[in-house]
N, C-alpha and C. Protein backbone atom coordinates (compact mmCIF):
# COMPACT_ATOMS: atom_id res chain seq x y z
N MET A 1 18.58 41.19 -42.19
CA MET A 1 17.72 40.20 -42.84
C MET A 1 17.21 39.18 -41.80
N HIS A 2 18.12 38.77 -40.90
CA HIS A 2 17.78 37.76 -39.87
C HIS A 2 16.66 38.30 -38.96
N ARG A 3 16.73 39.58 -38.59
CA ARG A 3 15.74 40.18 -37.73
C ARG A 3 14.36 40.21 -38.40
N THR A 4 14.33 40.52 -39.69
CA THR A 4 13.10 40.57 -40.47
C THR A 4 12.47 39.18 -40.46
N SER A 5 13.28 38.15 -40.70
CA SER A 5 12.74 36.78 -40.73
C SER A 5 12.15 36.39 -39.36
N ALA A 6 12.85 36.75 -38.32
CA ALA A 6 12.40 36.42 -36.98
C ALA A 6 11.12 37.15 -36.64
N ALA A 7 11.01 38.43 -37.07
CA ALA A 7 9.78 39.22 -36.83
C ALA A 7 8.63 38.62 -37.60
N LEU A 8 8.85 38.18 -38.85
CA LEU A 8 7.81 37.59 -39.66
C LEU A 8 7.35 36.23 -39.06
N ALA A 9 8.31 35.46 -38.54
CA ALA A 9 7.93 34.20 -37.91
C ALA A 9 7.11 34.43 -36.68
N LEU A 10 7.48 35.41 -35.87
CA LEU A 10 6.73 35.73 -34.65
C LEU A 10 5.34 36.19 -35.02
N ALA A 11 5.20 37.07 -36.04
CA ALA A 11 3.89 37.54 -36.47
C ALA A 11 3.03 36.39 -36.95
N ALA A 12 3.62 35.42 -37.68
CA ALA A 12 2.87 34.28 -38.17
C ALA A 12 2.36 33.43 -36.99
N LEU A 13 3.19 33.26 -35.97
CA LEU A 13 2.76 32.50 -34.79
C LEU A 13 1.60 33.20 -34.09
N LEU A 14 1.69 34.50 -33.93
CA LEU A 14 0.63 35.27 -33.25
C LEU A 14 -0.66 35.21 -34.02
N LEU A 15 -0.57 35.38 -35.33
CA LEU A 15 -1.77 35.32 -36.18
C LEU A 15 -2.35 33.93 -36.24
N GLY A 16 -1.49 32.92 -36.18
CA GLY A 16 -1.97 31.52 -36.19
C GLY A 16 -2.82 31.23 -34.97
N GLY A 17 -2.54 31.85 -33.84
CA GLY A 17 -3.29 31.67 -32.63
C GLY A 17 -4.67 32.30 -32.73
N CYS A 18 -4.88 33.23 -33.66
CA CYS A 18 -6.18 33.93 -33.77
C CYS A 18 -7.24 32.95 -34.31
N ASP A 19 -6.84 31.93 -35.08
CA ASP A 19 -7.78 31.01 -35.65
C ASP A 19 -8.02 29.80 -34.75
N ARG A 20 -7.47 29.83 -33.54
CA ARG A 20 -7.65 28.70 -32.62
C ARG A 20 -9.13 28.54 -32.30
N PRO A 21 -9.71 27.36 -32.53
CA PRO A 21 -11.08 27.19 -32.19
C PRO A 21 -11.27 27.18 -30.66
N ALA A 22 -12.34 27.82 -30.22
CA ALA A 22 -12.63 27.89 -28.78
C ALA A 22 -13.11 26.55 -28.29
N ALA A 23 -12.85 26.26 -27.03
CA ALA A 23 -13.40 25.07 -26.43
C ALA A 23 -14.90 25.20 -26.36
N PRO A 24 -15.63 24.07 -26.33
CA PRO A 24 -17.10 24.15 -26.35
C PRO A 24 -17.67 25.02 -25.26
N GLY A 25 -17.16 24.94 -24.03
CA GLY A 25 -17.68 25.78 -22.92
C GLY A 25 -17.43 27.25 -23.17
N GLU A 26 -16.27 27.55 -23.75
CA GLU A 26 -15.92 28.95 -24.02
C GLU A 26 -16.82 29.53 -25.10
N ARG A 27 -17.12 28.75 -26.10
CA ARG A 27 -17.99 29.21 -27.16
C ARG A 27 -19.35 29.54 -26.63
N ALA A 28 -19.89 28.68 -25.81
CA ALA A 28 -21.25 28.88 -25.26
C ALA A 28 -21.31 30.12 -24.43
N LYS A 29 -20.28 30.44 -23.68
CA LYS A 29 -20.29 31.60 -22.78
C LYS A 29 -19.74 32.84 -23.44
N GLY A 30 -19.04 32.71 -24.58
CA GLY A 30 -18.39 33.85 -25.19
C GLY A 30 -17.18 34.30 -24.40
N ILE A 31 -16.54 33.39 -23.66
CA ILE A 31 -15.43 33.72 -22.79
C ILE A 31 -14.19 32.99 -23.30
N ASP A 32 -13.08 33.70 -23.37
CA ASP A 32 -11.80 33.06 -23.65
C ASP A 32 -11.05 32.95 -22.35
N ALA A 33 -11.22 31.80 -21.66
CA ALA A 33 -10.63 31.63 -20.33
C ALA A 33 -9.11 31.62 -20.36
N SER A 34 -8.50 31.43 -21.56
CA SER A 34 -7.05 31.43 -21.61
C SER A 34 -6.48 32.84 -21.85
N ASN A 35 -7.40 33.83 -22.00
CA ASN A 35 -6.96 35.21 -22.22
C ASN A 35 -6.94 35.92 -20.86
N PRO A 36 -5.73 36.18 -20.30
CA PRO A 36 -5.65 36.80 -18.99
C PRO A 36 -6.28 38.20 -18.95
N LEU A 37 -6.24 38.92 -20.07
CA LEU A 37 -6.87 40.26 -20.10
C LEU A 37 -8.37 40.17 -19.94
N GLU A 38 -9.01 39.22 -20.61
CA GLU A 38 -10.46 39.07 -20.50
C GLU A 38 -10.83 38.61 -19.11
N VAL A 39 -10.08 37.68 -18.57
CA VAL A 39 -10.37 37.19 -17.22
C VAL A 39 -10.27 38.34 -16.23
N ALA A 40 -9.21 39.14 -16.30
CA ALA A 40 -9.02 40.26 -15.40
C ALA A 40 -10.12 41.31 -15.57
N ALA A 41 -10.52 41.58 -16.81
CA ALA A 41 -11.55 42.57 -17.07
C ALA A 41 -12.88 42.13 -16.46
N ARG A 42 -13.20 40.83 -16.56
CA ARG A 42 -14.43 40.33 -15.96
C ARG A 42 -14.38 40.37 -14.44
N GLN A 43 -13.23 40.05 -13.86
CA GLN A 43 -13.10 40.10 -12.42
C GLN A 43 -13.22 41.52 -11.87
N ARG A 44 -12.77 42.51 -12.62
CA ARG A 44 -12.81 43.90 -12.16
C ARG A 44 -14.12 44.59 -12.57
N GLY A 45 -15.01 43.89 -13.27
CA GLY A 45 -16.28 44.46 -13.65
C GLY A 45 -16.21 45.37 -14.86
N VAL A 46 -15.13 45.29 -15.64
CA VAL A 46 -15.02 46.13 -16.83
C VAL A 46 -15.81 45.55 -17.99
N VAL A 47 -15.83 44.21 -18.06
CA VAL A 47 -16.61 43.50 -19.11
C VAL A 47 -17.84 42.92 -18.45
N ARG A 48 -18.95 43.08 -19.11
CA ARG A 48 -20.22 42.64 -18.55
C ARG A 48 -20.26 41.14 -18.36
N PRO A 49 -20.65 40.69 -17.14
CA PRO A 49 -20.79 39.29 -16.87
C PRO A 49 -22.07 38.74 -17.54
N GLU A 50 -22.11 37.45 -17.71
CA GLU A 50 -23.25 36.83 -18.41
C GLU A 50 -24.57 36.89 -17.59
N ALA A 51 -24.47 36.90 -16.25
CA ALA A 51 -25.68 36.96 -15.42
C ALA A 51 -26.44 38.23 -15.68
N ALA A 52 -27.72 38.12 -15.86
CA ALA A 52 -28.56 39.30 -16.08
C ALA A 52 -28.78 39.96 -14.74
N SER A 53 -27.96 40.94 -14.42
CA SER A 53 -27.99 41.59 -13.13
C SER A 53 -27.87 43.11 -13.32
N PRO A 54 -28.60 43.91 -12.52
CA PRO A 54 -28.46 45.36 -12.61
C PRO A 54 -27.31 45.91 -11.78
N VAL A 55 -26.55 45.05 -11.10
CA VAL A 55 -25.52 45.53 -10.20
C VAL A 55 -24.48 46.37 -10.91
N GLY A 56 -24.14 47.50 -10.31
CA GLY A 56 -23.12 48.39 -10.82
C GLY A 56 -23.50 49.84 -10.70
N VAL A 57 -22.85 50.62 -11.57
CA VAL A 57 -23.04 52.08 -11.56
C VAL A 57 -23.54 52.51 -12.94
N PHE A 58 -24.51 53.38 -12.94
CA PHE A 58 -25.05 54.03 -14.14
C PHE A 58 -24.86 55.52 -13.91
N GLU A 59 -24.30 56.23 -14.90
CA GLU A 59 -23.98 57.64 -14.63
C GLU A 59 -23.86 58.43 -15.94
N ARG A 60 -24.30 59.71 -15.83
CA ARG A 60 -24.20 60.63 -16.94
C ARG A 60 -24.00 62.04 -16.39
N SER A 61 -23.01 62.75 -16.98
CA SER A 61 -22.83 64.18 -16.66
C SER A 61 -23.35 64.98 -17.83
N HIS A 62 -23.95 66.10 -17.51
CA HIS A 62 -24.51 67.00 -18.54
C HIS A 62 -24.42 68.44 -18.07
N ASP A 63 -24.90 69.36 -18.86
CA ASP A 63 -24.81 70.79 -18.59
C ASP A 63 -25.46 71.16 -17.26
N LEU A 64 -26.50 70.44 -16.82
CA LEU A 64 -27.21 70.82 -15.62
C LEU A 64 -26.68 70.10 -14.34
N GLY A 65 -25.75 69.20 -14.54
CA GLY A 65 -25.19 68.46 -13.41
C GLY A 65 -24.87 67.01 -13.76
N ARG A 66 -25.21 66.12 -12.80
CA ARG A 66 -24.87 64.73 -12.93
C ARG A 66 -26.04 63.87 -12.51
N ASP A 67 -26.38 62.89 -13.32
CA ASP A 67 -27.38 61.87 -12.98
C ASP A 67 -26.61 60.59 -12.68
N ALA A 68 -27.00 59.89 -11.61
CA ALA A 68 -26.25 58.67 -11.27
C ALA A 68 -27.13 57.70 -10.52
N MET A 69 -26.78 56.42 -10.63
CA MET A 69 -27.49 55.39 -9.91
C MET A 69 -26.53 54.27 -9.55
N CYS A 70 -26.66 53.78 -8.35
CA CYS A 70 -25.86 52.60 -7.94
C CYS A 70 -26.86 51.50 -7.59
N VAL A 71 -26.41 50.25 -7.86
CA VAL A 71 -27.25 49.07 -7.59
C VAL A 71 -26.32 48.01 -6.96
N VAL A 72 -26.76 47.45 -5.82
CA VAL A 72 -26.01 46.41 -5.14
C VAL A 72 -26.94 45.25 -4.77
N PRO A 73 -26.41 44.05 -4.61
CA PRO A 73 -27.26 42.91 -4.22
C PRO A 73 -27.88 43.14 -2.87
N ASP A 74 -29.09 42.60 -2.69
CA ASP A 74 -29.82 42.71 -1.41
C ASP A 74 -30.57 41.40 -1.13
N GLY A 75 -29.86 40.28 -1.29
CA GLY A 75 -30.47 38.97 -1.06
C GLY A 75 -30.67 38.28 -2.42
N ALA A 76 -31.20 37.07 -2.38
CA ALA A 76 -31.40 36.30 -3.60
C ALA A 76 -32.48 36.93 -4.47
N GLY A 77 -32.08 37.32 -5.68
CA GLY A 77 -33.05 37.88 -6.63
C GLY A 77 -33.54 39.27 -6.27
N ARG A 78 -32.84 39.97 -5.39
CA ARG A 78 -33.21 41.34 -4.99
C ARG A 78 -31.99 42.22 -5.04
N TRP A 79 -32.23 43.48 -5.33
CA TRP A 79 -31.18 44.48 -5.33
C TRP A 79 -31.65 45.74 -4.66
N ARG A 80 -30.71 46.53 -4.19
CA ARG A 80 -30.98 47.81 -3.55
C ARG A 80 -30.39 48.88 -4.45
N PHE A 81 -31.07 50.04 -4.59
CA PHE A 81 -30.56 51.08 -5.47
C PHE A 81 -30.71 52.46 -4.84
N ALA A 82 -29.95 53.41 -5.36
CA ALA A 82 -30.11 54.83 -5.05
C ALA A 82 -29.89 55.57 -6.36
N VAL A 83 -30.69 56.56 -6.60
CA VAL A 83 -30.60 57.32 -7.85
C VAL A 83 -30.72 58.79 -7.57
N THR A 84 -30.06 59.59 -8.39
CA THR A 84 -30.17 61.03 -8.32
C THR A 84 -30.17 61.58 -9.75
N ALA A 85 -30.92 62.63 -9.93
CA ALA A 85 -30.99 63.34 -11.26
C ALA A 85 -30.93 64.81 -11.00
N ALA A 86 -30.04 65.47 -11.71
CA ALA A 86 -29.81 66.92 -11.54
C ALA A 86 -30.54 67.72 -12.61
N TYR A 87 -31.18 68.81 -12.18
CA TYR A 87 -31.87 69.69 -13.11
C TYR A 87 -31.40 71.13 -12.91
N GLY A 88 -30.12 71.29 -12.57
CA GLY A 88 -29.56 72.61 -12.29
C GLY A 88 -28.91 72.62 -10.92
N ALA A 89 -28.34 73.74 -10.61
CA ALA A 89 -27.59 73.86 -9.34
C ALA A 89 -28.43 73.68 -8.10
N SER A 90 -29.74 74.06 -8.16
CA SER A 90 -30.54 73.99 -6.95
C SER A 90 -31.72 73.03 -7.07
N LEU A 91 -31.83 72.26 -8.13
CA LEU A 91 -32.95 71.37 -8.31
C LEU A 91 -32.49 69.98 -8.68
N SER A 92 -32.81 68.99 -7.85
CA SER A 92 -32.47 67.61 -8.15
C SER A 92 -33.43 66.68 -7.48
N CYS A 93 -33.44 65.44 -7.97
CA CYS A 93 -34.24 64.36 -7.39
C CYS A 93 -33.28 63.37 -6.75
N ALA A 94 -33.67 62.79 -5.65
CA ALA A 94 -32.88 61.75 -4.99
C ALA A 94 -33.85 60.72 -4.47
N ALA A 95 -33.64 59.46 -4.81
CA ALA A 95 -34.55 58.39 -4.36
C ALA A 95 -33.75 57.10 -4.16
N SER A 96 -34.38 56.18 -3.44
CA SER A 96 -33.77 54.88 -3.22
C SER A 96 -34.88 53.84 -3.15
N GLY A 97 -34.51 52.57 -3.12
CA GLY A 97 -35.51 51.54 -3.02
C GLY A 97 -34.94 50.18 -3.36
N THR A 98 -35.78 49.30 -3.80
CA THR A 98 -35.38 47.90 -4.11
C THR A 98 -35.80 47.58 -5.54
N MET A 99 -35.15 46.55 -6.06
CA MET A 99 -35.44 46.07 -7.44
C MET A 99 -35.59 44.57 -7.38
N VAL A 100 -36.47 44.02 -8.25
CA VAL A 100 -36.57 42.60 -8.45
C VAL A 100 -36.63 42.35 -9.96
N ARG A 101 -36.22 41.17 -10.38
CA ARG A 101 -36.23 40.82 -11.78
C ARG A 101 -37.68 40.63 -12.24
N GLU A 102 -38.01 41.16 -13.41
CA GLU A 102 -39.33 40.98 -13.98
C GLU A 102 -39.17 40.91 -15.49
N GLY A 103 -39.39 39.72 -16.07
CA GLY A 103 -39.24 39.56 -17.53
C GLY A 103 -37.86 39.90 -17.96
N ASP A 104 -37.76 40.80 -18.94
CA ASP A 104 -36.44 41.20 -19.46
C ASP A 104 -35.91 42.47 -18.85
N GLY A 105 -36.49 42.86 -17.69
CA GLY A 105 -36.04 44.05 -17.00
C GLY A 105 -36.15 43.91 -15.50
N TRP A 106 -36.35 45.02 -14.79
CA TRP A 106 -36.45 45.00 -13.35
C TRP A 106 -37.58 45.91 -12.90
N ARG A 107 -38.22 45.52 -11.78
CA ARG A 107 -39.26 46.33 -11.17
C ARG A 107 -38.61 47.10 -10.04
N MET A 108 -38.61 48.45 -10.17
CA MET A 108 -38.06 49.29 -9.13
C MET A 108 -39.21 49.74 -8.20
N ARG A 109 -38.99 49.56 -6.89
CA ARG A 109 -39.97 50.04 -5.93
C ARG A 109 -39.27 51.10 -5.10
N PHE A 110 -39.80 52.31 -5.10
CA PHE A 110 -39.18 53.44 -4.44
C PHE A 110 -39.59 53.45 -2.96
N ALA A 111 -38.61 53.57 -2.07
CA ALA A 111 -38.85 53.59 -0.64
C ALA A 111 -39.58 54.85 -0.20
N GLY A 112 -40.49 54.65 0.74
CA GLY A 112 -41.19 55.79 1.35
C GLY A 112 -42.32 56.37 0.55
N VAL A 113 -42.60 55.82 -0.65
CA VAL A 113 -43.71 56.35 -1.46
C VAL A 113 -44.56 55.17 -1.93
N GLU A 114 -45.61 54.91 -1.20
CA GLU A 114 -46.55 53.78 -1.47
C GLU A 114 -47.04 53.87 -2.93
N GLY A 115 -46.92 52.78 -3.68
CA GLY A 115 -47.42 52.71 -5.04
C GLY A 115 -46.51 53.30 -6.10
N CYS A 116 -45.35 53.79 -5.70
CA CYS A 116 -44.42 54.38 -6.66
C CYS A 116 -43.44 53.28 -7.09
N GLU A 117 -43.66 52.74 -8.24
CA GLU A 117 -42.77 51.74 -8.80
C GLU A 117 -42.72 51.89 -10.32
N ALA A 118 -41.68 51.33 -10.89
CA ALA A 118 -41.49 51.49 -12.35
C ALA A 118 -40.79 50.26 -12.89
N PHE A 119 -41.13 49.86 -14.08
CA PHE A 119 -40.43 48.81 -14.78
C PHE A 119 -39.30 49.45 -15.60
N VAL A 120 -38.06 49.03 -15.38
CA VAL A 120 -36.92 49.55 -16.12
C VAL A 120 -36.25 48.44 -16.86
N HIS A 121 -35.56 48.78 -17.91
CA HIS A 121 -34.78 47.77 -18.65
C HIS A 121 -33.47 48.41 -19.12
N GLU A 122 -32.51 47.52 -19.41
CA GLU A 122 -31.22 47.97 -19.90
C GLU A 122 -31.20 47.65 -21.38
N GLU A 123 -30.88 48.66 -22.17
CA GLU A 123 -30.80 48.51 -23.59
C GLU A 123 -29.50 49.18 -24.07
N GLU A 124 -28.68 48.43 -24.75
CA GLU A 124 -27.39 48.95 -25.25
C GLU A 124 -26.60 49.61 -24.12
N ASP A 125 -26.50 48.87 -22.98
CA ASP A 125 -25.74 49.36 -21.80
C ASP A 125 -26.26 50.69 -21.28
N GLU A 126 -27.54 50.88 -21.35
CA GLU A 126 -28.15 52.11 -20.83
C GLU A 126 -29.41 51.72 -20.06
N LEU A 127 -29.53 52.10 -18.80
CA LEU A 127 -30.74 51.82 -18.03
C LEU A 127 -31.79 52.87 -18.37
N ARG A 128 -32.98 52.44 -18.67
CA ARG A 128 -34.04 53.35 -19.12
C ARG A 128 -35.27 53.23 -18.24
N LEU A 129 -35.61 54.40 -17.62
CA LEU A 129 -36.85 54.47 -16.86
C LEU A 129 -37.97 54.85 -17.84
N PRO A 130 -39.21 54.48 -17.54
CA PRO A 130 -40.31 54.81 -18.45
C PRO A 130 -40.56 56.31 -18.55
N GLY A 131 -41.20 56.73 -19.64
CA GLY A 131 -41.49 58.13 -19.87
C GLY A 131 -42.48 58.71 -18.93
N SER A 132 -43.26 57.87 -18.28
CA SER A 132 -44.18 58.41 -17.24
C SER A 132 -44.21 57.44 -16.07
N LEU A 133 -44.26 58.02 -14.89
CA LEU A 133 -44.30 57.24 -13.64
C LEU A 133 -45.67 57.45 -12.97
N PRO A 134 -46.08 56.54 -12.08
CA PRO A 134 -47.36 56.74 -11.38
C PRO A 134 -47.39 58.10 -10.69
N PRO A 135 -48.55 58.68 -10.53
CA PRO A 135 -48.69 60.01 -9.89
C PRO A 135 -48.04 60.10 -8.50
N GLN A 136 -48.07 58.97 -7.76
CA GLN A 136 -47.46 58.95 -6.43
C GLN A 136 -45.98 59.30 -6.45
N CYS A 137 -45.32 59.01 -7.59
CA CYS A 137 -43.89 59.24 -7.70
C CYS A 137 -43.52 60.72 -7.78
N ALA A 138 -44.51 61.60 -7.92
CA ALA A 138 -44.26 63.03 -7.98
C ALA A 138 -43.62 63.49 -6.69
N ARG A 139 -43.83 62.77 -5.58
CA ARG A 139 -43.25 63.16 -4.28
C ARG A 139 -41.74 62.91 -4.22
N LEU A 140 -41.18 62.18 -5.20
CA LEU A 140 -39.77 61.90 -5.19
C LEU A 140 -38.93 63.14 -5.49
N CYS A 141 -39.49 64.06 -6.24
CA CYS A 141 -38.76 65.23 -6.72
C CYS A 141 -39.49 66.54 -6.35
N PRO A 142 -38.73 67.59 -6.10
CA PRO A 142 -39.36 68.89 -5.84
C PRO A 142 -39.85 69.55 -7.10
N ASP A 143 -40.73 70.51 -6.94
CA ASP A 143 -41.25 71.31 -8.04
C ASP A 143 -41.76 70.43 -9.18
N ARG A 144 -41.37 70.71 -10.40
CA ARG A 144 -41.86 69.95 -11.54
C ARG A 144 -40.80 68.98 -12.05
N ALA A 145 -39.75 68.76 -11.30
CA ALA A 145 -38.71 67.77 -11.71
C ALA A 145 -39.28 66.37 -11.61
N SER A 146 -38.69 65.44 -12.33
CA SER A 146 -39.16 64.07 -12.33
C SER A 146 -38.06 63.10 -12.76
N LEU A 147 -38.22 61.86 -12.36
CA LEU A 147 -37.29 60.80 -12.82
C LEU A 147 -37.85 60.15 -14.11
N SER A 148 -39.00 60.53 -14.56
CA SER A 148 -39.59 60.00 -15.76
C SER A 148 -38.65 60.14 -16.96
N GLY A 149 -38.47 59.07 -17.70
CA GLY A 149 -37.67 59.12 -18.92
C GLY A 149 -36.17 59.18 -18.71
N LEU A 150 -35.73 59.04 -17.47
CA LEU A 150 -34.30 59.10 -17.16
C LEU A 150 -33.57 57.97 -17.87
N ARG A 151 -32.48 58.30 -18.52
CA ARG A 151 -31.61 57.31 -19.19
C ARG A 151 -30.21 57.42 -18.67
N LEU A 152 -29.70 56.31 -18.19
CA LEU A 152 -28.37 56.35 -17.54
C LEU A 152 -27.47 55.30 -18.18
N PRO A 153 -26.38 55.74 -18.83
CA PRO A 153 -25.40 54.76 -19.38
C PRO A 153 -24.70 53.99 -18.29
N ARG A 154 -24.42 52.73 -18.54
CA ARG A 154 -23.70 51.93 -17.57
C ARG A 154 -22.24 52.34 -17.53
N ALA A 155 -21.74 52.57 -16.33
CA ALA A 155 -20.36 52.97 -16.12
C ALA A 155 -19.55 51.80 -15.55
N SER A 156 -20.23 50.84 -14.87
CA SER A 156 -19.53 49.72 -14.26
C SER A 156 -20.50 48.62 -13.94
N TRP A 157 -19.97 47.39 -13.91
CA TRP A 157 -20.75 46.23 -13.51
C TRP A 157 -20.32 45.74 -12.15
N SER A 158 -19.56 46.55 -11.43
CA SER A 158 -18.96 46.14 -10.17
C SER A 158 -19.78 46.58 -8.95
N ALA A 159 -20.03 45.63 -8.04
CA ALA A 159 -20.71 45.98 -6.78
C ALA A 159 -19.84 46.87 -5.94
N GLY A 160 -18.49 46.71 -6.03
CA GLY A 160 -17.60 47.55 -5.28
C GLY A 160 -17.69 48.98 -5.73
N ASP A 161 -17.72 49.21 -7.05
CA ASP A 161 -17.88 50.56 -7.59
C ASP A 161 -19.21 51.17 -7.13
N ALA A 162 -20.28 50.32 -7.17
CA ALA A 162 -21.59 50.81 -6.74
C ALA A 162 -21.55 51.23 -5.28
N GLY A 163 -20.86 50.44 -4.42
CA GLY A 163 -20.77 50.79 -3.02
C GLY A 163 -19.95 52.05 -2.75
N ASP A 164 -19.07 52.38 -3.68
CA ASP A 164 -18.24 53.56 -3.49
C ASP A 164 -18.84 54.81 -4.09
N LEU A 165 -19.89 54.68 -4.93
CA LEU A 165 -20.48 55.86 -5.61
C LEU A 165 -21.01 56.87 -4.59
N ARG A 166 -20.63 58.10 -4.77
CA ARG A 166 -21.07 59.18 -3.90
C ARG A 166 -22.16 59.98 -4.55
N ILE A 167 -23.27 60.16 -3.80
CA ILE A 167 -24.42 60.88 -4.28
C ILE A 167 -24.81 61.90 -3.22
N ALA A 168 -25.12 63.11 -3.65
CA ALA A 168 -25.56 64.14 -2.69
C ALA A 168 -26.97 63.86 -2.20
N ASP A 169 -27.19 63.99 -0.89
CA ASP A 169 -28.54 63.81 -0.38
C ASP A 169 -29.32 65.12 -0.54
N ARG A 170 -30.54 65.16 -0.05
CA ARG A 170 -31.41 66.35 -0.25
C ARG A 170 -30.83 67.61 0.38
N HIS A 171 -29.88 67.49 1.29
CA HIS A 171 -29.26 68.61 1.95
C HIS A 171 -27.91 68.98 1.37
N GLY A 172 -27.49 68.25 0.29
CA GLY A 172 -26.20 68.53 -0.33
C GLY A 172 -25.02 67.79 0.26
N ASN A 173 -25.26 66.98 1.26
CA ASN A 173 -24.17 66.19 1.87
C ASN A 173 -23.89 64.97 1.00
N MET A 174 -22.61 64.68 0.77
CA MET A 174 -22.21 63.55 -0.05
C MET A 174 -22.35 62.29 0.76
N GLN A 175 -23.05 61.30 0.20
CA GLN A 175 -23.30 60.02 0.88
C GLN A 175 -22.86 58.89 -0.02
N ARG A 176 -22.70 57.69 0.55
CA ARG A 176 -22.48 56.45 -0.22
C ARG A 176 -23.71 55.60 0.04
N PRO A 177 -24.82 55.86 -0.64
CA PRO A 177 -26.06 55.13 -0.33
C PRO A 177 -26.05 53.64 -0.63
N CYS A 178 -25.17 53.18 -1.46
CA CYS A 178 -25.11 51.74 -1.74
C CYS A 178 -23.93 51.08 -1.02
N GLY A 179 -23.20 51.86 -0.21
CA GLY A 179 -22.09 51.35 0.56
C GLY A 179 -22.55 50.44 1.68
N GLY A 180 -21.64 49.58 2.14
CA GLY A 180 -21.93 48.62 3.19
C GLY A 180 -22.14 49.24 4.50
């Protein structure tokens, strides 16, 4: 009987803490600074930070292979990215470039292809490229493959994870294009 009473008292204390009003700064940010799990998750990039930033890893595996993108900081208000999209064992796109903030999304400029840029946005933790890209962007991919309409779920908000992401280059060699 004594153990049951002690367990009930402990449960009441734990539940009582659930109704604790958040401090004004915590409410505004949606952060519970006294919760060590939330603090650790934000530090490791598991929980999305409040800053509107594309930094991290976006990745999807499917029947034809793996689509992936890494994004790392590249100065104030600029980011560097690398992306790959698989269309089977022998057909894939690989591209890189820079990004800048534009409205509620980012403007991607692809390296080495003059005039090839796209406005992308993140919706429900998924990065979405537009359904059609400028004609110059056709040079990014072989044959009839394209990055148009690519949708990549966010896998991490961590610059470290982005730097560690391995992507195959055009010759099949594994590279870390966002690595230092």
